[in-house]
């Protein structure tokens, strides 16, 4: 009985349009203020909402009424936008 041929696997090379470029490796790290500002915005946003609910809408700014929710959630969304820039 004849012996079957052994197939050699070709070495995989990714296409050139998918390979990471050299400029991606040269990007600077994030500035130190970026994660600090993001964490601060998260804490401020959560604190704003907690004060708003615990004071039964009397604080932080009573005349803003439900816009206080927008301020609290807006601070948290701003922190997410900052964190998307973090390298």
N, C-alpha and C. Protein backbone atom coordinates (compact mmCIF):
# COMPACT_ATOMS: atom_id res chain seq x y z
N UNK A 1 0.84 -1.16 0.00
CA UNK A 1 0.00 0.00 0.00
C UNK A 1 0.90 1.24 0.00
N UNK A 2 0.62 2.23 -0.86
CA UNK A 2 1.45 3.42 -0.91
C UNK A 2 1.22 4.32 0.30
N UNK A 3 2.27 4.99 0.71
CA UNK A 3 2.20 5.89 1.86
C UNK A 3 1.62 7.23 1.41
N UNK A 4 0.73 7.82 2.24
CA UNK A 4 0.12 9.10 1.89
C UNK A 4 1.13 10.23 2.03
N UNK A 5 0.90 11.28 1.27
CA UNK A 5 1.81 12.42 1.31
C UNK A 5 1.52 13.28 2.55
N UNK A 6 2.56 13.80 3.13
CA UNK A 6 2.42 14.67 4.29
C UNK A 6 2.28 16.11 3.80
N UNK A 7 1.23 16.76 4.26
CA UNK A 7 0.99 18.15 3.84
C UNK A 7 1.70 19.10 4.80
N UNK A 8 2.37 20.06 4.24
CA UNK A 8 3.02 21.07 5.06
C UNK A 8 2.10 22.29 5.14
N UNK A 9 1.92 22.78 6.34
CA UNK A 9 1.09 23.97 6.51
C UNK A 9 1.91 25.20 6.17
N UNK A 10 1.28 26.13 5.49
CA UNK A 10 1.94 27.38 5.18
C UNK A 10 1.92 28.29 6.40
N UNK A 11 2.94 29.11 6.53
CA UNK A 11 3.01 30.06 7.63
C UNK A 11 2.02 31.18 7.35
N UNK A 12 1.19 31.47 8.35
CA UNK A 12 0.17 32.51 8.18
C UNK A 12 0.80 33.88 8.26
N UNK A 13 0.51 34.71 7.28
CA UNK A 13 0.89 36.12 7.32
C UNK A 13 -0.37 36.95 7.15
N UNK A 14 -0.65 37.83 8.10
CA UNK A 14 -1.87 38.64 7.99
C UNK A 14 -1.77 39.60 6.81
N UNK A 15 -2.91 39.98 6.26
CA UNK A 15 -2.89 40.93 5.14
C UNK A 15 -2.29 42.27 5.57
N UNK A 16 -1.75 42.98 4.63
CA UNK A 16 -1.05 44.24 4.96
C UNK A 16 -2.00 45.32 5.45
N UNK A 17 -3.27 45.28 5.05
CA UNK A 17 -4.20 46.32 5.49
C UNK A 17 -4.66 46.12 6.93
N UNK A 18 -4.36 44.97 7.54
CA UNK A 18 -4.78 44.68 8.90
C UNK A 18 -3.62 44.81 9.88
N UNK A 19 -2.41 44.75 9.39
CA UNK A 19 -1.24 44.81 10.27
C UNK A 19 -1.17 46.16 10.99
N UNK A 20 -0.74 46.14 12.25
CA UNK A 20 -0.58 47.41 12.95
C UNK A 20 0.55 48.22 12.33
N UNK A 21 0.35 49.50 12.30
CA UNK A 21 1.37 50.36 11.71
C UNK A 21 2.42 50.73 12.74
N UNK A 22 3.50 51.25 12.28
CA UNK A 22 4.58 51.65 13.18
C UNK A 22 4.19 52.87 14.00
N UNK A 23 3.28 53.70 13.50
CA UNK A 23 2.88 54.89 14.24
C UNK A 23 2.05 54.54 15.47
N UNK A 24 1.37 53.40 15.44
CA UNK A 24 0.57 53.00 16.60
C UNK A 24 1.48 52.69 17.79
N UNK A 25 2.66 52.17 17.53
CA UNK A 25 3.58 51.86 18.61
C UNK A 25 4.24 53.11 19.17
N UNK A 26 4.26 54.20 18.42
CA UNK A 26 4.92 55.42 18.84
C UNK A 26 4.01 56.38 19.60
N UNK A 27 2.77 56.03 19.82
CA UNK A 27 1.85 56.95 20.49
C UNK A 27 2.30 57.19 21.92
N UNK A 28 2.13 58.43 22.35
CA UNK A 28 2.52 58.81 23.69
C UNK A 28 1.53 58.23 24.70
N UNK A 29 1.98 57.95 25.92
CA UNK A 29 1.04 57.53 26.95
C UNK A 29 0.14 58.69 27.37
N UNK A 30 -0.93 58.37 28.02
CA UNK A 30 -1.89 59.39 28.45
C UNK A 30 -1.27 60.30 29.50
N UNK A 31 -1.70 61.55 29.53
CA UNK A 31 -1.22 62.43 30.61
C UNK A 31 -1.78 61.97 31.95
N UNK A 32 -1.09 62.31 33.01
CA UNK A 32 -1.46 61.84 34.35
C UNK A 32 -2.79 62.43 34.81
N UNK A 33 -3.17 63.59 34.30
CA UNK A 33 -4.40 64.23 34.74
C UNK A 33 -5.64 63.53 34.20
N UNK A 34 -5.51 62.77 33.13
CA UNK A 34 -6.69 62.19 32.49
C UNK A 34 -7.43 61.19 33.39
N UNK A 35 -6.77 60.16 33.94
CA UNK A 35 -7.53 59.26 34.83
C UNK A 35 -7.99 59.94 36.12
N UNK A 36 -7.21 60.91 36.59
CA UNK A 36 -7.60 61.63 37.80
C UNK A 36 -8.88 62.43 37.55
N UNK A 37 -8.94 63.11 36.40
CA UNK A 37 -10.14 63.88 36.06
C UNK A 37 -11.34 62.97 35.83
N UNK A 38 -11.12 61.82 35.22
CA UNK A 38 -12.22 60.90 34.96
C UNK A 38 -12.80 60.35 36.26
N UNK A 39 -11.95 59.95 37.17
CA UNK A 39 -12.43 59.43 38.46
C UNK A 39 -13.12 60.54 39.25
N UNK A 40 -12.59 61.74 39.19
CA UNK A 40 -13.21 62.87 39.87
C UNK A 40 -14.61 63.14 39.32
N UNK A 41 -14.75 63.10 37.99
CA UNK A 41 -16.07 63.32 37.39
C UNK A 41 -17.06 62.23 37.79
N UNK A 42 -16.61 60.99 37.86
CA UNK A 42 -17.51 59.91 38.28
C UNK A 42 -17.97 60.14 39.72
N UNK A 43 -17.03 60.47 40.60
CA UNK A 43 -17.38 60.69 42.01
C UNK A 43 -18.30 61.90 42.16
N UNK A 44 -18.02 62.97 41.43
CA UNK A 44 -18.87 64.16 41.51
C UNK A 44 -20.27 63.85 40.99
N UNK A 45 -20.36 63.12 39.88
CA UNK A 45 -21.67 62.78 39.32
C UNK A 45 -22.50 61.92 40.25
N UNK A 46 -21.86 60.90 40.81
CA UNK A 46 -22.58 60.03 41.74
C UNK A 46 -22.96 60.80 43.00
N UNK A 47 -22.03 61.61 43.50
CA UNK A 47 -22.33 62.42 44.68
C UNK A 47 -23.47 63.39 44.44
N UNK A 48 -23.48 64.00 43.27
CA UNK A 48 -24.56 64.94 42.91
C UNK A 48 -25.91 64.23 42.94
N UNK A 49 -25.97 63.05 42.33
CA UNK A 49 -27.24 62.30 42.29
C UNK A 49 -27.67 61.82 43.67
N UNK A 50 -26.71 61.38 44.48
CA UNK A 50 -27.04 60.90 45.83
C UNK A 50 -27.59 62.05 46.68
N UNK A 51 -26.94 63.20 46.61
CA UNK A 51 -27.43 64.37 47.37
C UNK A 51 -28.81 64.77 46.87
N UNK A 52 -29.02 64.74 45.57
CA UNK A 52 -30.31 65.12 45.00
C UNK A 52 -31.43 64.20 45.50
N UNK A 53 -31.18 62.90 45.50
CA UNK A 53 -32.22 61.97 45.94
C UNK A 53 -32.41 61.98 47.45
N UNK A 54 -31.34 62.05 48.21
CA UNK A 54 -31.47 62.02 49.67
C UNK A 54 -32.09 63.31 50.21
N UNK A 55 -31.91 64.41 49.53
CA UNK A 55 -32.50 65.67 50.00
C UNK A 55 -33.92 65.85 49.49
N UNK A 56 -34.44 64.86 48.81
CA UNK A 56 -35.78 64.90 48.22
C UNK A 56 -35.94 66.12 47.32
N UNK A 57 -35.02 66.28 46.41
CA UNK A 57 -34.97 67.30 45.35
C UNK A 57 -34.79 68.73 45.87
N UNK A 58 -34.38 68.91 47.11
CA UNK A 58 -34.16 70.25 47.65
C UNK A 58 -32.75 70.76 47.35
N UNK A 59 -31.79 69.87 47.27
CA UNK A 59 -30.39 70.23 46.99
C UNK A 59 -29.94 69.42 45.80
N UNK A 60 -28.88 69.66 45.16
CA UNK A 60 -27.90 70.73 45.21
C UNK A 60 -28.46 72.06 44.72
N UNK A 61 -29.29 72.10 43.67
CA UNK A 61 -29.88 73.36 43.21
C UNK A 61 -31.37 73.11 43.04
N UNK A 62 -32.16 73.67 43.95
CA UNK A 62 -33.61 73.38 43.95
C UNK A 62 -34.31 73.93 42.72
N UNK A 63 -33.86 75.06 42.21
CA UNK A 63 -34.56 75.67 41.07
C UNK A 63 -34.35 74.89 39.77
N UNK A 64 -33.34 74.03 39.71
CA UNK A 64 -33.09 73.26 38.49
C UNK A 64 -34.02 72.06 38.36
N UNK A 65 -34.66 71.68 39.43
CA UNK A 65 -35.55 70.53 39.49
C UNK A 65 -34.91 69.29 38.89
N UNK A 66 -35.48 68.74 37.80
CA UNK A 66 -34.96 67.49 37.25
C UNK A 66 -33.70 67.67 36.42
N UNK A 67 -33.28 68.89 36.16
CA UNK A 67 -32.02 69.10 35.46
C UNK A 67 -30.84 68.69 36.32
N UNK A 68 -31.07 68.55 37.64
CA UNK A 68 -30.02 68.02 38.51
C UNK A 68 -29.62 66.61 38.07
N UNK A 69 -30.58 65.84 37.58
CA UNK A 69 -30.26 64.50 37.07
C UNK A 69 -29.35 64.60 35.85
N UNK A 70 -29.63 65.57 34.99
CA UNK A 70 -28.80 65.75 33.79
C UNK A 70 -27.37 66.12 34.17
N UNK A 71 -27.21 66.93 35.21
CA UNK A 71 -25.87 67.31 35.65
C UNK A 71 -25.11 66.10 36.17
N UNK A 72 -25.77 65.29 37.00
CA UNK A 72 -25.12 64.11 37.56
C UNK A 72 -24.75 63.10 36.49
N UNK A 73 -25.70 62.77 35.63
CA UNK A 73 -25.42 61.80 34.57
C UNK A 73 -24.47 62.39 33.53
N UNK A 74 -24.55 63.68 33.29
CA UNK A 74 -23.64 64.33 32.35
C UNK A 74 -22.19 64.25 32.82
N UNK A 75 -21.97 64.41 34.11
CA UNK A 75 -20.62 64.28 34.66
C UNK A 75 -20.09 62.87 34.46
N UNK A 76 -20.95 61.88 34.66
CA UNK A 76 -20.51 60.49 34.48
C UNK A 76 -20.24 60.17 33.01
N UNK A 77 -21.05 60.69 32.12
CA UNK A 77 -20.83 60.48 30.68
C UNK A 77 -19.55 61.18 30.24
N UNK A 78 -19.29 62.35 30.78
CA UNK A 78 -18.05 63.06 30.45
C UNK A 78 -16.83 62.25 30.90
N UNK A 79 -16.95 61.58 32.04
CA UNK A 79 -15.83 60.74 32.49
C UNK A 79 -15.63 59.54 31.56
N UNK A 80 -16.71 58.98 31.04
CA UNK A 80 -16.57 57.88 30.09
C UNK A 80 -15.91 58.35 28.80
N UNK A 81 -16.23 59.55 28.37
CA UNK A 81 -15.59 60.09 27.16
C UNK A 81 -14.10 60.29 27.41
N UNK A 82 -13.74 60.79 28.59
CA UNK A 82 -12.32 60.93 28.92
C UNK A 82 -11.62 59.58 28.96
N UNK A 83 -12.27 58.59 29.55
CA UNK A 83 -11.65 57.28 29.67
C UNK A 83 -11.49 56.58 28.32
N UNK A 84 -12.28 56.98 27.34
CA UNK A 84 -12.10 56.39 26.01
C UNK A 84 -10.82 56.90 25.35
N UNK A 85 -10.26 58.00 25.84
CA UNK A 85 -8.99 58.54 25.33
C UNK A 85 -7.78 57.99 26.06
N UNK A 86 -7.99 57.21 27.12
CA UNK A 86 -6.91 56.72 27.95
C UNK A 86 -6.14 55.63 27.24
N UNK A 87 -4.82 55.73 27.18
CA UNK A 87 -3.97 54.71 26.56
C UNK A 87 -3.19 53.99 27.62
